[in-house]
């Protein structure tokens, strides 16, 4: 049986998996095709709770990176293969909103208002805090960073792992926030020092295994290693402010199973499901009626310094910001 860490770092390549009863060949009541970029344990926890609430749902899963699945949704626009997508960062969802179906869930009344998409095109399901994961056993004599600007120091060159922002919506919003805070010069200094990975799991494993002393990643995925009592692993909340990265669920326009998709969407927003995911995988809820610190050993979001990031603007500027990032990489690697 795979342990939590093995599940966390499992490959995120495109695959199709039947998580509940039913198959792609069957046309049965309650059938819904879920496109998801979440890892195995998160999805499994969510599906277990959703099937308790809606036992007739037949949930079929197609997994892959957010960027890959968004391109798939775009390519399938005239004949959607999926019914619902969960979950990508708001900065990425906004760039593909024309492929989404608006829906006002009855659960939306309990979702924090700033986590609801424009025109009910998406709803936040969880909130990630993007920060620095550290492995003190590999830092040598160098003091651990306390700020984002500490990461710009040449002593960290080649020693910071970060997921490619073209593949990760959460890394993208981090790059966006750092660009707005520190400008192109700051982004260039960061580009000089980081080593890009293909997935968040690879970033975290690289730090946990000691390949890199530092990683730019999400609070929840990094905390998995702390919860597993791995020596030397810590979370650094940069004093200038961590980056908040909400993730959301969307219904796909033209979906073949819209009623079942709406029920699964409602389940993603429910208190039962969000509490279960928080306790199992440390992902912060989007609901306003869940106290995080009462369920896990993480600070309340009100006690975490945050950068001011405009999620809507990040969506509109995505291609431009990614170009700035790619240009910075090209310049420092000539």
Foldseek 3Di string as FASTA:
>chain_A
DDDPLCQLLDDQAWDKDFLFDDDPVDDDPQEFEEEEADTDVLVNLLVVQLCVVVVVHRYIYITHFPLVVLVVLVVCLVPDPGFKYWKAWLLACLLRLVFFDADDAPLCVQFDPVQADPNNQKGFLFKWWKFKKFFQVQPPPDDDDQALQVLLDPVQAQQEEEEQCSRHRVSLLQLVLCCVVPNLVSLLSNLRRYDYDHDLSVRLVCCLVNVHRMYTHTPQSQCVCVVVVRPRIDTHQHPQAIEMTTMIMTTGPPDPNNVSNSSSRNSSSDPVSSLSSCLRGVTHGRGPPDDSVVRDPDDDPVPGGHGDGDSNVSNVCVVVSSVSNVVSNVVSVD
